[in-house]
Amino acid sequence: MAKRSQLPLTALRAFEAFARLGKMSLAADELCVTHGAVSRQVRGLEALCGVKLTQGPRNALKLTDAGERMACSLGRTFDELEQLFREVRAAADRELHVSCVGTLAMKWLIPRLPGFHARHPDLSIRVTEAYGPVDFTREPFDAAIRLAETVAGEGLTATPFLDNFHGPIVAPELAVGGLDLAHTPRLYTRSHRQAWAEWSAHSGIPIPPEPESREYEHMFYLQEAAVAGLGVGISPWIYVANDIAAGRLAAPFGFTATPARFHLVLPGQPPKRGLKAFREWLIEEAATAPTPPPSRARESLTASAGG
């Protein structure tokens, strides 16, 4: 592909504004520069073109024939560019790009998005899986959802919208008659091997040494491993509420609250159109989330002892 020549875009814009408005002072006001800056750009453009584009006294400049041709072409071009820019920006305004922890996106957010789209048919939500610290200056997201005790970052606005509860999950057949933690393989995710220790600390329930451990890359892998009867793992309640209701999983020890909550994180600058509606909808949806079964400490202590 042939290399495009270096067009003097600043000079062309200055000349187009002068030709359209008829005065250097008006062009300067529109472009937020000085009268002299516009004049220098026009003179420079004439030098590059090798032809006079204006004629007459400095306080009553008129376009030459060459200037008229260039002004007409530039006017059409800038009109088309402005229209294209408006269309692209309007399309971008209609799409909200949300980064979200993967399992919440799969198990809770995405299944509820039809309700949001029905209420706001002019908006579209694009979801990308992400887990790290939120930095809107480096990543192309309009909003983020993270599970954390607090969300830190200069200029960020974090709204907690959903409490977090966690507890052991297992295939129903393994929970019949009480789950023996001392003899059931323990499931972990690679990025959160401390999940069992955290659950023990939050619930006050001691856990016996593990007989065997199995590690998985993601939380949704761990959940499917539990469904398949490969062991018992720790999961947030909101990720497995539907599976427990459907009988795919059991939670023999119930769920206990954690200090962490799900937060909607927005940038500090004025948020993109539609984010206010998304935040309000998210809070409404969270308010309808099912309540987890409470932690059953006595049963758990018996099971932990292998009883």
C-alpha atoms as a PDB file:
ATOM      1  CA  MET A   1       0.000   0.000   0.000  1.00  0.00           C
ATOM      2  CA  ALA A   2       1.357   3.411  -0.966  1.00  0.00           C
ATOM      3  CA  LYS A   3       2.454   5.630   1.890  1.00  0.00           C
ATOM      4  CA  ARG A   4       0.130   8.557   2.523  1.00  0.00           C
ATOM      5  CA  SER A   5       1.807  11.958   2.250  1.00  0.00           C
ATOM      6  CA  GLN A   6       2.079  14.169   5.324  1.00  0.00           C
ATOM      7  CA  LEU A   7      -0.865  16.527   4.958  1.00  0.00           C
ATOM      8  CA  PRO A   8      -0.702  19.850   6.870  1.00  0.00           C
ATOM      9  CA  LEU A   9      -3.895  19.106   8.774  1.00  0.00           C
ATOM     10  CA  THR A  10      -3.633  22.047  11.181  1.00  0.00           C
ATOM     11  CA  ALA A  11      -3.178  24.489   8.303  1.00  0.00           C
ATOM     12  CA  LEU A  12      -6.005  22.916   6.311  1.00  0.00           C
ATOM     13  CA  ARG A  13      -8.342  23.180   9.294  1.00  0.00           C
ATOM     14  CA  ALA A  14      -7.420  26.851   9.807  1.00  0.00           C
ATOM     15  CA  PHE A  15      -7.963  27.658   6.123  1.00  0.00           C
ATOM     16  CA  GLU A  16     -11.321  25.827   6.033  1.00  0.00           C
ATOM     17  CA  ALA A  17     -12.544  27.746   9.087  1.00  0.00           C
ATOM     18  CA  PHE A  18     -11.483  31.078   7.537  1.00  0.00           C
ATOM     19  CA  ALA A  19     -13.078  30.220   4.176  1.00  0.00           C
ATOM     20  CA  ARG A  20     -16.338  29.158   5.830  1.00  0.00           C
ATOM     21  CA  LEU A  21     -16.597  32.052   8.289  1.00  0.00           C
ATOM     22  CA  GLY A  22     -15.089  34.775   6.090  1.00  0.00           C
ATOM     23  CA  LYS A  23     -12.852  36.365   8.735  1.00  0.00           C
ATOM     24  CA  MET A  24      -9.606  35.405  10.399  1.00  0.00           C
ATOM     25  CA  SER A  25     -10.929  36.632  13.767  1.00  0.00           C
ATOM     26  CA  LEU A  26     -13.996  34.359  13.574  1.00  0.00           C
ATOM     27  CA  ALA A  27     -11.843  31.392  12.569  1.00  0.00           C
ATOM     28  CA  ALA A  28      -9.526  32.147  15.487  1.00  0.00           C
ATOM     29  CA  ASP A  29     -12.471  32.194  17.926  1.00  0.00           C
ATOM     30  CA  GLU A  30     -13.765  28.866  16.633  1.00  0.00           C
ATOM     31  CA  LEU A  31     -10.360  27.197  16.850  1.00  0.00           C
ATOM     32  CA  CYS A  32      -9.491  28.823  20.196  1.00  0.00           C
ATOM     33  CA  VAL A  33      -6.261  30.346  18.852  1.00  0.00           C
ATOM     34  CA  THR A  34      -5.107  33.863  18.035  1.00  0.00           C
ATOM     35  CA  HIS A  35      -5.831  35.803  14.864  1.00  0.00           C
ATOM     36  CA  GLY A  36      -2.115  35.723  14.084  1.00  0.00           C
ATOM     37  CA  ALA A  37      -1.977  31.916  14.437  1.00  0.00           C
ATOM     38  CA  VAL A  38      -4.704  31.471  11.807  1.00  0.00           C
ATOM     39  CA  SER A  39      -3.009  33.946   9.499  1.00  0.00           C
ATOM     40  CA  ARG A  40       0.328  32.142   9.788  1.00  0.00           C
ATOM     41  CA  GLN A  41      -1.304  28.785   9.070  1.00  0.00           C
ATOM     42  CA  VAL A  42      -2.973  30.164   5.913  1.00  0.00           C
ATOM     43  CA  ARG A  43       0.287  31.759   4.717  1.00  0.00           C
ATOM     44  CA  GLY A  44       2.102  28.488   5.393  1.00  0.00           C
ATOM     45  CA  LEU A  45      -0.488  26.530   3.434  1.00  0.00           C
ATOM     46  CA  GLU A  46      -0.082  28.889   0.485  1.00  0.00           C
ATOM     47  CA  ALA A  47       3.677  28.344   0.607  1.00  0.00           C
ATOM     48  CA  LEU A  48       3.252  24.570   0.607  1.00  0.00           C
ATOM     49  CA  CYS A  49       0.748  24.716  -2.262  1.00  0.00           C
ATOM     50  CA  GLY A  50       2.844  27.183  -4.272  1.00  0.00           C
ATOM     51  CA  VAL A  51      -0.257  29.220  -5.100  1.00  0.00           C
ATOM     52  CA  LYS A  52      -2.187  32.135  -3.589  1.00  0.00           C
ATOM     53  CA  LEU A  53      -5.370  31.038  -1.841  1.00  0.00           C
ATOM     54  CA  THR A  54      -6.438  34.512  -0.702  1.00  0.00           C
ATOM     55  CA  GLN A  55      -6.248  37.982  -2.188  1.00  0.00           C
ATOM     56  CA  GLY A  56      -7.003  41.590  -1.263  1.00  0.00           C
ATOM     57  CA  PRO A  57      -6.176  43.762   1.743  1.00  0.00           C
ATOM     58  CA  ARG A  58      -5.511  42.043   5.056  1.00  0.00           C
ATOM     59  CA  ASN A  59      -8.727  43.353   6.591  1.00  0.00           C
ATOM     60  CA  ALA A  60     -10.855  42.230   3.638  1.00  0.00           C
ATOM     61  CA  LEU A  61      -9.296  39.030   2.291  1.00  0.00           C
ATOM     62  CA  LYS A  62     -11.165  37.097  -0.409  1.00  0.00           C
ATOM     63  CA  LEU A  63     -10.567  33.662  -1.837  1.00  0.00           C
ATOM     64  CA  THR A  64      -8.818  33.178  -5.146  1.00  0.00           C
ATOM     65  CA  ASP A  65     -10.124  30.627  -7.651  1.00  0.00           C
ATOM     66  CA  ALA A  66      -7.666  28.087  -6.233  1.00  0.00           C
ATOM     67  CA  GLY A  67      -8.809  29.014  -2.737  1.00  0.00           C
ATOM     68  CA  GLU A  68     -12.465  28.544  -3.709  1.00  0.00           C
ATOM     69  CA  ARG A  69     -11.737  25.057  -5.076  1.00  0.00           C
ATOM     70  CA  MET A  70      -9.797  24.041  -1.986  1.00  0.00           C
ATOM     71  CA  ALA A  71     -12.402  25.513   0.369  1.00  0.00           C
ATOM     72  CA  CYS A  72     -15.227  23.653  -1.395  1.00  0.00           C
ATOM     73  CA  SER A  73     -13.363  20.338  -1.228  1.00  0.00           C
ATOM     74  CA  LEU A  74     -12.288  20.846   2.386  1.00  0.00           C
ATOM     75  CA  GLY A  75     -15.821  21.804   3.418  1.00  0.00           C
ATOM     76  CA  ARG A  76     -17.242  18.543   2.045  1.00  0.00           C
ATOM     77  CA  THR A  77     -14.405  16.525   3.569  1.00  0.00           C
ATOM     78  CA  PHE A  78     -14.713  18.040   7.037  1.00  0.00           C
ATOM     79  CA  ASP A  79     -18.514  17.648   6.924  1.00  0.00           C
ATOM     80  CA  GLU A  80     -18.116  13.949   6.131  1.00  0.00           C
ATOM     81  CA  LEU A  81     -15.490  13.488   8.848  1.00  0.00           C
ATOM     82  CA  GLU A  82     -17.668  15.258  11.410  1.00  0.00           C
ATOM     83  CA  GLN A  83     -20.654  13.094  10.528  1.00  0.00           C
ATOM     84  CA  LEU A  84     -18.551   9.935  10.719  1.00  0.00           C
ATOM     85  CA  PHE A  85     -17.129  11.033  14.063  1.00  0.00           C
ATOM     86  CA  ARG A  86     -20.629  11.622  15.450  1.00  0.00           C
ATOM     87  CA  GLU A  87     -21.793   8.206  14.253  1.00  0.00           C
ATOM     88  CA  VAL A  88     -18.781   6.412  15.725  1.00  0.00           C
ATOM     89  CA  ARG A  89     -19.101   8.293  19.016  1.00  0.00           C
ATOM     90  CA  ALA A  90     -22.835   7.590  19.183  1.00  0.00           C
ATOM     91  CA  ALA A  91     -22.166   3.875  18.666  1.00  0.00           C
ATOM     92  CA  ALA A  92     -19.504   3.967  21.381  1.00  0.00           C
ATOM     93  CA  ASP A  93     -21.894   5.760  23.739  1.00  0.00           C
ATOM     94  CA  ARG A  94     -24.427   2.979  23.245  1.00  0.00           C
ATOM     95  CA  GLU A  95     -21.959   0.258  24.294  1.00  0.00           C
ATOM     96  CA  LEU A  96     -20.742  -0.112  27.866  1.00  0.00           C
ATOM     97  CA  HIS A  97     -17.611  -2.236  28.220  1.00  0.00           C
ATOM     98  CA  VAL A  98     -17.547  -3.871  31.648  1.00  0.00           C
ATOM     99  CA  SER A  99     -14.667  -5.922  33.045  1.00  0.00           C
ATOM    100  CA  CYS A 100     -15.900  -8.500  35.523  1.00  0.00           C
ATOM    101  CA  VAL A 101     -14.613 -11.429  37.530  1.00  0.00           C
ATOM    102  CA  GLY A 102     -15.301 -14.402  35.286  1.00  0.00           C
ATOM    103  CA  THR A 103     -17.524 -16.640  37.387  1.00  0.00           C
ATOM    104  CA  LEU A 104     -19.809 -13.798  38.470  1.00  0.00           C
ATOM    105  CA  ALA A 105     -20.168 -12.828  34.815  1.00  0.00           C
ATOM    106  CA  MET A 106     -21.062 -16.400  33.824  1.00  0.00           C
ATOM    107  CA  LYS A 107     -23.260 -17.355  36.749  1.00  0.00           C
ATOM    108  CA  TRP A 108     -24.976 -14.117  37.703  1.00  0.00           C
ATOM    109  CA  LEU A 109     -24.428 -11.041  35.511  1.00  0.00           C
ATOM    110  CA  ILE A 110     -24.892 -12.354  31.971  1.00  0.00           C
ATOM    111  CA  PRO A 111     -28.031 -14.417  32.738  1.00  0.00           C
ATOM    112  CA  ARG A 112     -29.650 -11.198  34.014  1.00  0.00           C
ATOM    113  CA  LEU A 113     -28.627  -8.922  31.133  1.00  0.00           C
ATOM    114  CA  PRO A 114     -31.786  -9.602  29.072  1.00  0.00           C
ATOM    115  CA  GLY A 115     -33.689  -7.670  31.737  1.00  0.00           C
ATOM    116  CA  PHE A 116     -31.322  -4.726  31.410  1.00  0.00           C
ATOM    117  CA  HIS A 117     -31.577  -4.702  27.612  1.00  0.00           C
ATOM    118  CA  ALA A 118     -35.365  -4.891  27.786  1.00  0.00           C
ATOM    119  CA  ARG A 119     -35.377  -1.798  29.994  1.00  0.00           C
ATOM    120  CA  HIS A 120     -32.652   0.029  28.015  1.00  0.00           C
ATOM    121  CA  PRO A 121     -32.857  -1.186  24.394  1.00  0.00           C
ATOM    122  CA  ASP A 122     -30.604   1.674  23.241  1.00  0.00           C
ATOM    123  CA  LEU A 123     -27.691   0.394  25.349  1.00  0.00           C
ATOM    124  CA  SER A 124     -25.458  -2.636  24.923  1.00  0.00           C
ATOM    125  CA  ILE A 125     -23.283  -4.304  27.572  1.00  0.00           C
ATOM    126  CA  ARG A 126     -20.005  -5.958  26.542  1.00  0.00           C
ATOM    127  CA  VAL A 127     -18.442  -8.099  29.271  1.00  0.00           C
ATOM    128  CA  THR A 128     -14.751  -8.995  29.488  1.00  0.00           C
ATOM    129  CA  GLU A 129     -13.280 -11.314  32.107  1.00  0.00           C
ATOM    130  CA  ALA A 130     -10.717  -9.577  34.327  1.00  0.00           C
ATOM    131  CA  TYR A 131      -9.444  -9.910  37.885  1.00  0.00           C
ATOM    132  CA  GLY A 132      -6.563  -7.482  38.461  1.00  0.00           C
ATOM    133  CA  PRO A 133      -6.479  -3.961  39.899  1.00  0.00           C
ATOM    134  CA  VAL A 134      -8.704  -1.501  38.058  1.00  0.00           C
ATOM    135  CA  ASP A 135      -6.852   1.091  35.957  1.00  0.00           C
ATOM    136  CA  PHE A 136      -9.074   2.910  33.477  1.00  0.00           C
ATOM    137  CA  THR A 137      -6.093   4.868  32.118  1.00  0.00           C
ATOM    138  CA  ARG A 138      -4.511   1.678  30.768  1.00  0.00           C
ATOM    139  CA  GLU A 139      -7.488  -0.537  29.949  1.00  0.00           C
ATOM    140  CA  PRO A 140     -10.403   0.182  27.590  1.00  0.00           C
ATOM    141  CA  PHE A 141     -13.171  -0.439  30.122  1.00  0.00           C
ATOM    142  CA  ASP A 142     -16.030   1.857  31.089  1.00  0.00           C
ATOM    143  CA  ALA A 143     -16.697   0.062  34.375  1.00  0.00           C
ATOM    144  CA  ALA A 144     -15.414  -2.866  36.391  1.00  0.00           C
ATOM    145  CA  ILE A 145     -16.827  -5.358  38.872  1.00  0.00           C
ATOM    146  CA  ARG A 146     -14.456  -6.726  41.495  1.00  0.00           C
ATOM    147  CA  LEU A 147     -14.743  -8.833  44.651  1.00  0.00           C
ATOM    148  CA  ALA A 148     -12.743  -7.094  47.380  1.00  0.00           C
ATOM    149  CA  GLU A 149     -12.940  -5.681  50.881  1.00  0.00           C
ATOM    150  CA  THR A 150     -12.041  -2.239  49.539  1.00  0.00           C
ATOM    151  CA  VAL A 151     -11.200  -0.871  46.102  1.00  0.00           C
ATOM    152  CA  ALA A 152      -8.298   1.557  46.057  1.00  0.00           C
ATOM    153  CA  GLY A 153      -7.214   3.792  43.215  1.00  0.00           C
ATOM    154  CA  GLU A 154      -6.903   7.478  42.500  1.00  0.00           C
ATOM    155  CA  GLY A 155     -10.096   8.936  41.110  1.00  0.00           C
ATOM    156  CA  LEU A 156     -12.063   5.681  41.313  1.00  0.00           C
ATOM    157  CA  THR A 157     -15.643   5.467  42.583  1.00  0.00           C
ATOM    158  CA  ALA A 158     -16.536   2.072  44.045  1.00  0.00           C
ATOM    159  CA  THR A 159     -20.123   1.128  44.898  1.00  0.00           C
ATOM    160  CA  PRO A 160     -20.621  -2.107  46.877  1.00  0.00           C
ATOM    161  CA  PHE A 161     -23.765  -3.763  45.564  1.00  0.00           C
ATOM    162  CA  LEU A 162     -23.677  -7.409  46.610  1.00  0.00           C
ATOM    163  CA  ASP A 163     -22.601  -9.110  49.843  1.00  0.00           C
ATOM    164  CA  ASN A 164     -20.412 -12.177  49.603  1.00  0.00           C
ATOM    165  CA  PHE A 165     -20.929 -15.476  51.435  1.00  0.00           C
ATOM    166  CA  HIS A 166     -18.865 -18.616  50.980  1.00  0.00           C
ATOM    167  CA  GLY A 167     -18.930 -22.230  52.061  1.00  0.00           C
ATOM    168  CA  PRO A 168     -18.112 -25.809  51.048  1.00  0.00           C
ATOM    169  CA  ILE A 169     -19.901 -27.241  48.003  1.00  0.00           C
ATOM    170  CA  VAL A 170     -20.098 -30.867  46.991  1.00  0.00           C
ATOM    171  CA  ALA A 171     -22.091 -33.293  44.855  1.00  0.00           C
ATOM    172  CA  PRO A 172     -25.365 -34.152  46.641  1.00  0.00           C
ATOM    173  CA  GLU A 173     -24.565 -37.846  46.789  1.00  0.00           C
ATOM    174  CA  LEU A 174     -21.377 -37.136  48.765  1.00  0.00           C
ATOM    175  CA  ALA A 175     -23.330 -35.154  51.358  1.00  0.00           C
ATOM    176  CA  VAL A 176     -25.822 -37.928  52.145  1.00  0.00           C
ATOM    177  CA  GLY A 177     -25.521 -38.796  55.837  1.00  0.00           C
ATOM    178  CA  GLY A 178     -23.085 -35.929  56.468  1.00  0.00           C
ATOM    179  CA  LEU A 179     -19.896 -34.976  54.655  1.00  0.00           C
ATOM    180  CA  ASP A 180     -16.643 -36.256  56.147  1.00  0.00           C
ATOM    181  CA  LEU A 181     -14.055 -33.539  55.487  1.00  0.00           C
ATOM    182  CA  ALA A 182     -11.290 -35.731  56.840  1.00  0.00           C
ATOM    183  CA  HIS A 183     -11.698 -38.251  54.025  1.00  0.00           C
ATOM    184  CA  THR A 184     -13.031 -36.220  51.079  1.00  0.00           C
ATOM    185  CA  PRO A 185     -10.594 -34.773  48.501  1.00  0.00           C
ATOM    186  CA  ARG A 186     -10.291 -31.016  48.838  1.00  0.00           C
ATOM    187  CA  LEU A 187     -10.667 -28.786  45.754  1.00  0.00           C
ATOM    188  CA  TYR A 188      -8.753 -25.547  45.178  1.00  0.00           C
ATOM    189  CA  THR A 189      -8.282 -22.913  42.520  1.00  0.00           C
ATOM    190  CA  ARG A 190      -4.721 -22.024  41.585  1.00  0.00           C
ATOM    191  CA  SER A 191      -5.194 -18.328  42.282  1.00  0.00           C
ATOM    192  CA  HIS A 192      -6.941 -18.755  45.659  1.00  0.00           C
ATOM    193  CA  ARG A 193      -5.483 -21.678  47.561  1.00  0.00           C
ATOM    194  CA  GLN A 194      -6.173 -19.846  50.824  1.00  0.00           C
ATOM    195  CA  ALA A 195      -9.939 -20.258  50.362  1.00  0.00           C
ATOM    196  CA  TRP A 196     -10.255 -23.072  52.903  1.00  0.00           C
ATOM    197  CA  ALA A 197      -8.223 -21.219  55.535  1.00  0.00           C
ATOM    198  CA  GLU A 198     -10.339 -18.085  55.006  1.00  0.00           C
ATOM    199  CA  TRP A 199     -13.590 -20.011  55.328  1.00  0.00           C
ATOM    200  CA  SER A 200     -12.369 -21.609  58.557  1.00  0.00           C
ATOM    201  CA  ALA A 201     -11.420 -18.191  59.949  1.00  0.00           C
ATOM    202  CA  HIS A 202     -14.705 -16.553  58.938  1.00  0.00           C
ATOM    203  CA  SER A 203     -16.919 -19.402  60.148  1.00  0.00           C
ATOM    204  CA  GLY A 204     -14.937 -20.296  63.263  1.00  0.00           C
ATOM    205  CA  ILE A 205     -14.984 -23.923  62.145  1.00  0.00           C
ATOM    206  CA  PRO A 206     -11.689 -25.841  62.320  1.00  0.00           C
ATOM    207  CA  ILE A 207     -10.926 -28.121  59.408  1.00  0.00           C
ATOM    208  CA  PRO A 208      -8.960 -31.391  59.574  1.00  0.00           C
ATOM    209  CA  PRO A 209      -5.839 -32.061  57.503  1.00  0.00           C
ATOM    210  CA  GLU A 210      -6.742 -32.723  53.901  1.00  0.00           C
ATOM    211  CA  PRO A 211      -6.594 -36.322  52.692  1.00  0.00           C
ATOM    212  CA  GLU A 212      -5.995 -35.291  49.067  1.00  0.00           C
ATOM    213  CA  SER A 213      -6.111 -32.037  47.097  1.00  0.00           C
ATOM    214  CA  ARG A 214      -7.022 -31.255  43.494  1.00  0.00           C
ATOM    215  CA  GLU A 215      -6.275 -27.916  41.869  1.00  0.00           C
ATOM    216  CA  TYR A 216      -8.129 -26.146  39.043  1.00  0.00           C
ATOM    217  CA  GLU A 217      -7.406 -23.070  36.975  1.00  0.00           C
ATOM    218  CA  HIS A 218     -10.747 -21.299  37.466  1.00  0.00           C
ATOM    219  CA  MET A 219     -13.602 -21.261  39.959  1.00  0.00           C
ATOM    220  CA  PHE A 220     -16.101 -22.554  37.394  1.00  0.00           C
ATOM    221  CA  TYR A 221     -13.812 -25.571  36.808  1.00  0.00           C
ATOM    222  CA  LEU A 222     -13.817 -26.227  40.549  1.00  0.00           C
ATOM    223  CA  GLN A 223     -17.598 -26.036  40.634  1.00  0.00           C
ATOM    224  CA  GLU A 224     -17.965 -28.549  37.813  1.00  0.00           C
ATOM    225  CA  ALA A 225     -15.435 -30.799  39.534  1.00  0.00           C
ATOM    226  CA  ALA A 226     -17.611 -30.676  42.634  1.00  0.00           C
ATOM    227  CA  VAL A 227     -20.713 -31.495  40.569  1.00  0.00           C
ATOM    228  CA  ALA A 228     -18.832 -34.504  39.145  1.00  0.00           C
ATOM    229  CA  GLY A 229     -18.114 -35.799  42.653  1.00  0.00           C
ATOM    230  CA  LEU A 230     -14.361 -35.172  42.548  1.00  0.00           C
ATOM    231  CA  GLY A 231     -14.270 -33.567  45.979  1.00  0.00           C
ATOM    232  CA  VAL A 232     -15.410 -30.631  48.085  1.00  0.00           C
ATOM    233  CA  GLY A 233     -14.465 -27.014  47.365  1.00  0.00           C
ATOM    234  CA  ILE A 234     -15.118 -23.524  48.715  1.00  0.00           C
ATOM    235  CA  SER A 235     -17.272 -21.239  46.575  1.00  0.00           C
ATOM    236  CA  PRO A 236     -19.063 -17.916  46.913  1.00  0.00           C
ATOM    237  CA  TRP A 237     -22.779 -18.449  47.405  1.00  0.00           C
ATOM    238  CA  ILE A 238     -23.859 -16.259  44.488  1.00  0.00           C
ATOM    239  CA  TYR A 239     -21.910 -18.467  42.052  1.00  0.00           C
ATOM    240  CA  VAL A 240     -23.713 -21.664  43.027  1.00  0.00           C
ATOM    241  CA  ALA A 241     -27.168 -20.530  44.178  1.00  0.00           C
ATOM    242  CA  ASN A 242     -28.843 -21.810  41.014  1.00  0.00           C
ATOM    243  CA  ASP A 243     -26.925 -25.105  41.036  1.00  0.00           C
ATOM    244  CA  ILE A 244     -27.932 -25.731  44.645  1.00  0.00           C
ATOM    245  CA  ALA A 245     -31.560 -24.877  43.891  1.00  0.00           C
ATOM    246  CA  ALA A 246     -31.465 -27.263  40.914  1.00  0.00           C
ATOM    247  CA  GLY A 247     -29.957 -30.071  42.989  1.00  0.00           C
ATOM    248  CA  ARG A 248     -26.639 -30.175  41.101  1.00  0.00           C
ATOM    249  CA  LEU A 249     -24.710 -29.180  44.219  1.00  0.00           C
ATOM    250  CA  ALA A 250     -25.177 -29.386  47.969  1.00  0.00           C
ATOM    251  CA  ALA A 251     -23.901 -27.073  50.705  1.00  0.00           C
ATOM    252  CA  PRO A 252     -23.938 -29.315  53.800  1.00  0.00           C
ATOM    253  CA  PHE A 253     -22.335 -26.660  56.048  1.00  0.00           C
ATOM    254  CA  GLY A 254     -24.221 -23.632  54.745  1.00  0.00           C
ATOM    255  CA  PHE A 255     -22.524 -20.309  53.967  1.00  0.00           C
ATOM    256  CA  THR A 256     -20.876 -17.645  56.073  1.00  0.00           C
ATOM    257  CA  ALA A 257     -20.321 -13.957  55.346  1.00  0.00           C
ATOM    258  CA  THR A 258     -16.927 -12.629  54.249  1.00  0.00           C
ATOM    259  CA  PRO A 259     -15.504  -9.110  54.653  1.00  0.00           C
ATOM    260  CA  ALA A 260     -15.308  -8.808  50.867  1.00  0.00           C
ATOM    261  CA  ARG A 261     -18.161  -7.496  48.735  1.00  0.00           C
ATOM    262  CA  PHE A 262     -18.788  -7.155  45.017  1.00  0.00           C
ATOM    263  CA  HIS A 263     -18.129  -3.563  43.928  1.00  0.00           C
ATOM    264  CA  LEU A 264     -19.016  -1.656  40.777  1.00  0.00           C
ATOM    265  CA  VAL A 265     -16.018   0.539  40.003  1.00  0.00           C
ATOM    266  CA  LEU A 266     -16.348   3.641  37.809  1.00  0.00           C
ATOM    267  CA  PRO A 267     -13.752   6.166  36.631  1.00  0.00           C
ATOM    268  CA  GLY A 268     -13.477   9.496  38.393  1.00  0.00           C
ATOM    269  CA  GLN A 269     -14.264  11.620  35.345  1.00  0.00           C
ATOM    270  CA  PRO A 270     -17.915  12.098  34.335  1.00  0.00           C
ATOM    271  CA  PRO A 271     -19.097   8.563  33.557  1.00  0.00           C
ATOM    272  CA  LYS A 272     -20.117   7.465  30.113  1.00  0.00           C
ATOM    273  CA  ARG A 273     -23.762   7.790  29.157  1.00  0.00           C
ATOM    274  CA  GLY A 274     -25.687   4.777  30.406  1.00  0.00           C
ATOM    275  CA  LEU A 275     -23.442   3.933  33.353  1.00  0.00           C
ATOM    276  CA  LYS A 276     -25.843   5.527  35.825  1.00  0.00           C
ATOM    277  CA  ALA A 277     -28.644   3.319  34.490  1.00  0.00           C
ATOM    278  CA  PHE A 278     -26.373   0.263  34.677  1.00  0.00           C
ATOM    279  CA  ARG A 279     -25.406   1.029  38.276  1.00  0.00           C
ATOM    280  CA  GLU A 280     -29.032   1.503  39.335  1.00  0.00           C
ATOM    281  CA  TRP A 281     -30.066  -1.716  37.609  1.00  0.00           C
ATOM    282  CA  LEU A 282     -27.168  -3.630  39.180  1.00  0.00           C
ATOM    283  CA  ILE A 283     -28.166  -2.504  42.680  1.00  0.00           C
ATOM    284  CA  GLU A 284     -31.796  -3.465  42.004  1.00  0.00           C
ATOM    285  CA  GLU A 285     -30.786  -6.926  40.796  1.00  0.00           C
ATOM    286  CA  ALA A 286     -28.518  -7.488  43.782  1.00  0.00           C
ATOM    287  CA  ALA A 287     -31.405  -6.648  46.108  1.00  0.00           C
ATOM    288  CA  THR A 288     -33.336  -9.616  44.668  1.00  0.00           C
ATOM    289  CA  ALA A 289     -30.465 -12.102  45.151  1.00  0.00           C
ATOM    290  CA  PRO A 290     -31.496 -15.210  47.108  1.00  0.00           C
ATOM    291  CA  THR A 291     -30.438 -15.498  50.734  1.00  0.00           C
ATOM    292  CA  PRO A 292     -27.847 -18.221  51.393  1.00  0.00           C
ATOM    293  CA  PRO A 293     -28.454 -21.012  53.908  1.00  0.00           C
ATOM    294  CA  PRO A 294     -26.694 -20.085  57.177  1.00  0.00           C
ATOM    295  CA  SER A 295     -23.519 -21.740  58.386  1.00  0.00           C
ATOM    296  CA  ARG A 296     -24.231 -24.877  60.419  1.00  0.00           C
ATOM    297  CA  ALA A 297     -21.306 -24.947  62.817  1.00  0.00           C
ATOM    298  CA  ARG A 298     -22.340 -27.899  64.989  1.00  0.00           C
ATOM    299  CA  GLU A 299     -22.905 -30.180  62.030  1.00  0.00           C
ATOM    300  CA  SER A 300     -19.651 -29.000  60.496  1.00  0.00           C
ATOM    301  CA  LEU A 301     -17.632 -29.714  63.606  1.00  0.00           C
ATOM    302  CA  THR A 302     -18.991 -33.250  63.691  1.00  0.00           C
ATOM    303  CA  ALA A 303     -18.261 -33.766  60.027  1.00  0.00           C
ATOM    304  CA  SER A 304     -14.794 -32.247  60.333  1.00  0.00           C
ATOM    305  CA  ALA A 305     -13.993 -34.751  63.022  1.00  0.00           C
ATOM    306  CA  GLY A 306     -14.991 -37.531  60.669  1.00  0.00           C
ATOM    307  CA  GLY A 307     -18.164 -38.390  62.546  1.00  0.00           C
END
